[in-house]
C-alpha atoms as a PDB file:
ATOM      1  CA  MET A   1      45.504 -14.299 -19.782  1.00  0.00           C
ATOM      2  CA  MET A   2      44.625 -15.982 -22.862  1.00  0.00           C
ATOM      3  CA  ILE A   3      42.013 -15.429 -24.998  1.00  0.00           C
ATOM      4  CA  SER A   4      40.031 -18.582 -23.971  1.00  0.00           C
ATOM      5  CA  GLU A   5      40.393 -17.994 -20.911  1.00  0.00           C
ATOM      6  CA  VAL A   6      38.938 -14.429 -21.005  1.00  0.00           C
ATOM      7  CA  SER A   7      36.459 -15.494 -23.439  1.00  0.00           C
ATOM      8  CA  GLU A   8      35.001 -17.942 -20.349  1.00  0.00           C
ATOM      9  CA  LYS A   9      35.698 -15.227 -18.341  1.00  0.00           C
ATOM     10  CA  TYR A  10      33.463 -12.452 -19.385  1.00  0.00           C
ATOM     11  CA  GLY A  11      31.233 -15.089 -21.513  1.00  0.00           C
ATOM     12  CA  LEU A  12      32.028 -13.677 -24.639  1.00  0.00           C
ATOM     13  CA  THR A  13      33.016 -15.926 -27.592  1.00  0.00           C
ATOM     14  CA  ALA A  14      36.912 -15.484 -29.062  1.00  0.00           C
ATOM     15  CA  ASP A  15      35.835 -14.014 -31.916  1.00  0.00           C
ATOM     16  CA  THR A  16      33.500 -11.712 -30.326  1.00  0.00           C
ATOM     17  CA  LEU A  17      37.141 -10.326 -28.084  1.00  0.00           C
ATOM     18  CA  ARG A  18      38.845 -10.328 -31.839  1.00  0.00           C
ATOM     19  CA  TYR A  19      36.290  -8.250 -33.751  1.00  0.00           C
ATOM     20  CA  TYR A  20      36.187  -5.896 -30.477  1.00  0.00           C
ATOM     21  CA  GLU A  21      39.603  -5.093 -30.736  1.00  0.00           C
ATOM     22  CA  ARG A  22      39.445  -5.083 -34.323  1.00  0.00           C
ATOM     23  CA  ILE A  23      37.042  -2.260 -34.751  1.00  0.00           C
ATOM     24  CA  GLY A  24      38.624  -0.482 -31.727  1.00  0.00           C
ATOM     25  CA  LEU A  25      36.207  -0.992 -29.301  1.00  0.00           C
ATOM     26  CA  ILE A  26      38.912  -2.346 -26.655  1.00  0.00           C
ATOM     27  CA  PRO A  27      41.918  -1.299 -27.026  1.00  0.00           C
ATOM     28  CA  ARG A  28      44.909  -3.219 -28.633  1.00  0.00           C
ATOM     29  CA  VAL A  29      45.513  -6.412 -26.828  1.00  0.00           C
ATOM     30  CA  HIS A  30      48.942  -6.846 -25.573  1.00  0.00           C
ATOM     31  CA  ARG A  31      50.818  -9.872 -27.017  1.00  0.00           C
ATOM     32  CA  ASN A  32      53.533 -12.351 -26.020  1.00  0.00           C
ATOM     33  CA  GLY A  33      56.667 -13.046 -27.669  1.00  0.00           C
ATOM     34  CA  SER A  34      55.473 -15.465 -30.145  1.00  0.00           C
ATOM     35  CA  GLY A  35      52.367 -12.845 -31.191  1.00  0.00           C
ATOM     36  CA  ILE A  36      49.635 -14.753 -29.228  1.00  0.00           C
ATOM     37  CA  ARG A  37      47.061 -12.315 -27.233  1.00  0.00           C
ATOM     38  CA  ASP A  38      48.226 -12.058 -23.791  1.00  0.00           C
ATOM     39  CA  TYR A  39      45.448  -9.554 -21.644  1.00  0.00           C
ATOM     40  CA  THR A  40      46.685  -7.979 -18.828  1.00  0.00           C
ATOM     41  CA  GLU A  41      44.176  -7.074 -16.258  1.00  0.00           C
ATOM     42  CA  GLN A  42      44.010  -3.866 -18.126  1.00  0.00           C
ATOM     43  CA  ASP A  43      43.128  -5.221 -20.795  1.00  0.00           C
ATOM     44  CA  CYS A  44      40.474  -7.370 -19.220  1.00  0.00           C
ATOM     45  CA  ARG A  45      39.140  -3.801 -17.647  1.00  0.00           C
ATOM     46  CA  TRP A  46      38.494  -3.157 -21.217  1.00  0.00           C
ATOM     47  CA  VAL A  47      36.097  -6.253 -21.874  1.00  0.00           C
ATOM     48  CA  GLU A  48      34.547  -5.544 -18.728  1.00  0.00           C
ATOM     49  CA  PHE A  49      33.309  -1.842 -19.690  1.00  0.00           C
ATOM     50  CA  VAL A  50      32.882  -2.512 -23.190  1.00  0.00           C
ATOM     51  CA  LYS A  51      30.654  -5.354 -21.740  1.00  0.00           C
ATOM     52  CA  CYS A  52      28.753  -3.730 -19.154  1.00  0.00           C
ATOM     53  CA  MET A  53      27.929  -0.684 -21.782  1.00  0.00           C
ATOM     54  CA  ARG A  54      27.126  -3.006 -24.265  1.00  0.00           C
ATOM     55  CA  GLY A  55      24.680  -4.620 -21.701  1.00  0.00           C
ATOM     56  CA  ALA A  56      23.133  -1.214 -21.231  1.00  0.00           C
ATOM     57  CA  GLY A  57      22.957  -0.756 -24.684  1.00  0.00           C
ATOM     58  CA  LEU A  58      25.073   2.046 -24.979  1.00  0.00           C
ATOM     59  CA  PRO A  59      25.705   1.989 -28.985  1.00  0.00           C
ATOM     60  CA  ILE A  60      28.840   0.267 -30.858  1.00  0.00           C
ATOM     61  CA  GLU A  61      30.182   3.751 -32.418  1.00  0.00           C
ATOM     62  CA  ALA A  62      30.244   5.861 -28.670  1.00  0.00           C
ATOM     63  CA  LEU A  63      32.125   2.895 -26.953  1.00  0.00           C
ATOM     64  CA  ILE A  64      34.584   2.848 -30.320  1.00  0.00           C
ATOM     65  CA  GLU A  65      34.617   6.898 -30.124  1.00  0.00           C
ATOM     66  CA  TYR A  66      35.147   6.740 -26.141  1.00  0.00           C
ATOM     67  CA  VAL A  67      38.120   4.647 -26.801  1.00  0.00           C
ATOM     68  CA  SER A  68      39.784   6.687 -29.677  1.00  0.00           C
ATOM     69  CA  LEU A  69      39.458   9.120 -27.605  1.00  0.00           C
ATOM     70  CA  PHE A  70      40.968   7.551 -24.141  1.00  0.00           C
ATOM     71  CA  GLN A  71      44.010   6.174 -26.276  1.00  0.00           C
ATOM     72  CA  GLN A  72      44.640  10.251 -27.301  1.00  0.00           C
ATOM     73  CA  GLY A  73      45.536  11.282 -24.206  1.00  0.00           C
ATOM     74  CA  GLU A  74      44.674  13.738 -21.048  1.00  0.00           C
ATOM     75  CA  GLU A  75      43.483  16.462 -24.058  1.00  0.00           C
ATOM     76  CA  THR A  76      40.383  14.286 -24.716  1.00  0.00           C
ATOM     77  CA  VAL A  77      39.175  14.601 -20.903  1.00  0.00           C
ATOM     78  CA  GLU A  78      36.631  16.607 -21.172  1.00  0.00           C
ATOM     79  CA  ALA A  79      35.464  15.340 -24.174  1.00  0.00           C
ATOM     80  CA  ARG A  80      35.265  11.747 -22.948  1.00  0.00           C
ATOM     81  CA  LEU A  81      33.191  13.476 -20.081  1.00  0.00           C
ATOM     82  CA  ALA A  82      30.872  14.793 -22.572  1.00  0.00           C
ATOM     83  CA  LEU A  83      30.940  11.121 -24.558  1.00  0.00           C
ATOM     84  CA  LEU A  84      30.035   9.637 -21.136  1.00  0.00           C
ATOM     85  CA  THR A  85      27.651  11.885 -19.870  1.00  0.00           C
ATOM     86  CA  GLU A  86      25.459  12.361 -22.983  1.00  0.00           C
ATOM     87  CA  GLN A  87      25.194   8.112 -22.972  1.00  0.00           C
ATOM     88  CA  ARG A  88      24.235   8.307 -19.413  1.00  0.00           C
ATOM     89  CA  ASP A  89      21.576  11.214 -20.198  1.00  0.00           C
ATOM     90  CA  GLN A  90      20.623   8.359 -23.052  1.00  0.00           C
ATOM     91  CA  LEU A  91      20.758   5.607 -21.032  1.00  0.00           C
ATOM     92  CA  VAL A  92      18.623   7.228 -18.326  1.00  0.00           C
ATOM     93  CA  ALA A  93      15.581   8.426 -20.810  1.00  0.00           C
ATOM     94  CA  ARG A  94      15.707   4.368 -22.171  1.00  0.00           C
ATOM     95  CA  ILE A  95      15.308   3.651 -18.120  1.00  0.00           C
ATOM     96  CA  GLN A  96      12.267   5.824 -17.596  1.00  0.00           C
ATOM     97  CA  GLU A  97      10.630   4.594 -20.910  1.00  0.00           C
ATOM     98  CA  MET A  98      11.359   0.905 -19.700  1.00  0.00           C
ATOM     99  CA  GLN A  99       9.953   1.981 -16.463  1.00  0.00           C
ATOM    100  CA  ARG A 100       6.435   3.115 -17.855  1.00  0.00           C
ATOM    101  CA  THR A 101       6.242   0.293 -20.035  1.00  0.00           C
ATOM    102  CA  LEU A 102       6.894  -2.278 -17.128  1.00  0.00           C
ATOM    103  CA  GLU A 103       3.993  -0.059 -15.357  1.00  0.00           C
ATOM    104  CA  ARG A 104       1.763  -0.754 -18.511  1.00  0.00           C
ATOM    105  CA  LEU A 105       2.418  -3.814 -18.755  1.00  0.00           C
ATOM    106  CA  ASN A 106       1.712  -4.740 -14.868  1.00  0.00           C
ATOM    107  CA  VAL A 107      -1.474  -2.961 -15.510  1.00  0.00           C
ATOM    108  CA  LYS A 108      -2.617  -5.462 -18.158  1.00  0.00           C
ATOM    109  CA  ILE A 109      -1.361  -8.384 -16.359  1.00  0.00           C
ATOM    110  CA  GLU A 110      -3.834  -7.385 -12.957  1.00  0.00           C
ATOM    111  CA  ARG A 111      -6.553  -6.842 -15.684  1.00  0.00           C
ATOM    112  CA  TYR A 112      -6.208 -10.024 -16.841  1.00  0.00           C
ATOM    113  CA  ASP A 113      -6.094 -11.631 -13.723  1.00  0.00           C
ATOM    114  CA  GLN A 114      -8.989  -9.878 -11.834  1.00  0.00           C
ATOM    115  CA  ILE A 115     -11.374  -9.964 -15.871  1.00  0.00           C
ATOM    116  CA  ILE A 116     -10.280 -12.361 -17.963  1.00  0.00           C
ATOM    117  CA  LEU A 117      -9.360 -15.105 -16.211  1.00  0.00           C
ATOM    118  CA  PRO A 118     -12.555 -15.148 -14.133  1.00  0.00           C
ATOM    119  CA  VAL A 119     -14.226 -14.805 -16.942  1.00  0.00           C
ATOM    120  CA  GLU A 120     -12.708 -17.988 -18.741  1.00  0.00           C
ATOM    121  CA  LYS A 121     -13.239 -20.588 -15.445  1.00  0.00           C
ATOM    122  CA  GLU A 122     -16.586 -19.244 -16.096  1.00  0.00           C
ATOM    123  CA  LEU A 123     -16.947 -20.874 -19.667  1.00  0.00           C
ATOM    124  CA  ALA A 124     -15.117 -23.864 -18.660  1.00  0.00           C
ATOM    125  CA  VAL A 125     -17.229 -24.966 -15.910  1.00  0.00           C
ATOM    126  CA  GLN A 126     -20.056 -23.923 -18.409  1.00  0.00           C
ATOM    127  CA  GLY A 127     -18.651 -26.299 -20.879  1.00  0.00           C
END
Protein backbone atom coordinates (compact mmCIF):
# COMPACT_ATOMS: atom_id res chain seq x y z
CA MET A 1 0.00 0.00 0.00
CA MET A 2 1.29 3.45 -0.83
CA ILE A 3 1.62 6.09 1.87
CA SER A 4 -1.41 7.99 0.54
CA GLU A 5 -3.57 4.87 0.94
CA VAL A 6 -2.30 4.23 4.46
CA SER A 7 -2.84 7.91 5.28
CA GLU A 8 -6.46 7.71 4.17
CA LYS A 9 -7.12 4.33 5.79
CA TYR A 10 -5.88 5.39 9.24
CA GLY A 11 -6.70 9.10 9.16
CA LEU A 12 -3.08 10.18 9.55
CA THR A 13 -1.23 12.54 7.27
CA ALA A 14 1.64 11.28 5.14
CA ASP A 15 3.89 13.65 7.10
CA THR A 16 2.78 12.03 10.35
CA LEU A 17 3.48 8.56 8.98
CA ARG A 18 6.96 9.61 7.86
CA TYR A 19 7.55 11.26 11.25
CA TYR A 20 6.48 8.11 13.10
CA GLU A 21 8.96 6.10 11.07
CA ARG A 22 11.76 8.66 11.47
CA ILE A 23 11.53 8.75 15.28
CA GLY A 24 11.16 4.98 15.62
CA LEU A 25 7.51 4.99 16.64
CA ILE A 26 6.92 2.42 13.92
CA PRO A 27 9.59 0.14 12.48
CA ARG A 28 11.19 1.07 9.19
CA VAL A 29 8.61 0.69 6.42
CA HIS A 30 9.35 -1.60 3.51
CA ARG A 31 10.36 0.09 0.25
CA ASN A 32 9.75 -0.98 -3.32
CA GLY A 33 12.48 -1.21 -5.96
CA SER A 34 12.28 2.55 -6.54
CA GLY A 35 12.74 3.28 -2.83
CA ILE A 36 9.12 4.36 -2.35
CA ARG A 37 7.40 3.30 0.86
CA ASP A 38 5.26 0.25 0.20
CA TYR A 39 3.36 -0.57 3.39
CA THR A 40 2.88 -4.28 4.00
CA GLU A 41 0.16 -5.74 6.20
CA GLN A 42 2.70 -5.90 9.03
CA ASP A 43 3.59 -2.23 8.54
CA CYS A 44 -0.10 -1.37 8.65
CA ARG A 45 -0.55 -3.36 11.85
CA TRP A 46 2.18 -1.22 13.44
CA VAL A 47 0.45 1.97 12.27
CA GLU A 48 -2.86 0.73 13.67
CA PHE A 49 -1.22 -0.28 16.96
CA VAL A 50 0.48 3.08 17.40
CA LYS A 51 -2.65 5.03 16.46
CA CYS A 52 -4.67 3.03 18.98
CA MET A 53 -2.10 3.44 21.76
CA ARG A 54 -1.64 7.16 21.08
CA GLY A 55 -5.42 7.58 21.04
CA ALA A 56 -5.48 6.09 24.52
CA GLY A 57 -2.84 8.57 25.64
CA LEU A 58 0.22 6.35 25.84
CA PRO A 59 3.37 8.45 25.64
CA ILE A 60 5.43 8.46 22.46
CA GLU A 61 8.56 7.64 24.46
CA ALA A 62 7.06 4.42 25.83
CA LEU A 63 5.94 3.33 22.37
CA ILE A 64 9.35 4.09 20.86
CA GLU A 65 10.93 2.00 23.60
CA TYR A 66 8.49 -0.83 22.90
CA VAL A 67 9.28 -0.80 19.16
CA SER A 68 13.00 -0.75 19.91
CA LEU A 69 12.68 -3.69 22.27
CA PHE A 70 10.58 -5.58 19.74
CA GLN A 71 13.23 -5.09 17.09
CA GLN A 72 15.88 -6.50 19.44
CA GLY A 73 14.16 -9.87 19.38
CA GLU A 74 12.95 -12.58 21.70
CA GLU A 75 15.33 -11.77 24.54
CA THR A 76 13.27 -8.63 25.23
CA VAL A 77 9.91 -10.34 25.73
CA GLU A 78 9.92 -9.79 29.51
CA ALA A 79 10.92 -6.15 29.16
CA ARG A 80 8.17 -5.58 26.57
CA LEU A 81 5.60 -7.24 28.80
CA ALA A 82 6.72 -5.11 31.76
CA LEU A 83 6.46 -1.96 29.66
CA LEU A 84 2.98 -2.85 28.42
CA THR A 85 1.85 -3.76 31.93
CA GLU A 86 3.11 -0.47 33.32
CA GLN A 87 1.34 1.46 30.56
CA ARG A 88 -1.87 -0.48 31.16
CA ASP A 89 -1.74 0.31 34.88
CA GLN A 90 -1.24 4.01 34.13
CA LEU A 91 -4.12 3.92 31.65
CA VAL A 92 -6.40 2.27 34.21
CA ALA A 93 -5.55 5.04 36.70
CA ARG A 94 -6.33 7.72 34.08
CA ILE A 95 -9.63 6.01 33.23
CA GLN A 96 -10.58 5.94 36.91
CA GLU A 97 -9.74 9.64 37.24
CA MET A 98 -11.75 10.42 34.12
CA GLN A 99 -14.68 8.43 35.51
CA ARG A 100 -14.58 10.51 38.71
CA THR A 101 -14.51 13.67 36.60
CA LEU A 102 -17.45 12.45 34.52
CA GLU A 103 -19.44 11.72 37.66
CA ARG A 104 -18.70 15.19 38.99
CA LEU A 105 -19.78 16.78 35.71
CA ASN A 106 -22.99 14.76 35.76
CA VAL A 107 -23.77 16.04 39.26
CA LYS A 108 -23.08 19.61 38.17
CA ILE A 109 -25.34 19.23 35.12
CA GLU A 110 -28.08 17.69 37.25
CA ARG A 111 -27.86 20.56 39.73
CA TYR A 112 -27.92 23.04 36.88
CA ASP A 113 -31.07 21.45 35.49
CA GLN A 114 -32.72 21.30 38.94
CA ILE A 115 -31.67 24.62 40.44
CA ILE A 116 -30.34 27.15 37.97
CA LEU A 117 -32.70 26.61 35.04
CA PRO A 118 -35.87 27.10 37.15
CA VAL A 119 -34.41 30.30 38.59
CA GLU A 120 -33.52 31.57 35.13
CA LYS A 121 -37.01 30.74 33.86
CA GLU A 122 -38.56 32.62 36.82
CA LEU A 123 -36.34 35.64 36.12
CA ALA A 124 -37.37 35.55 32.45
CA VAL A 125 -41.07 35.54 33.40
CA GLN A 126 -40.57 38.50 35.76
CA GLY A 127 -38.58 40.48 33.15
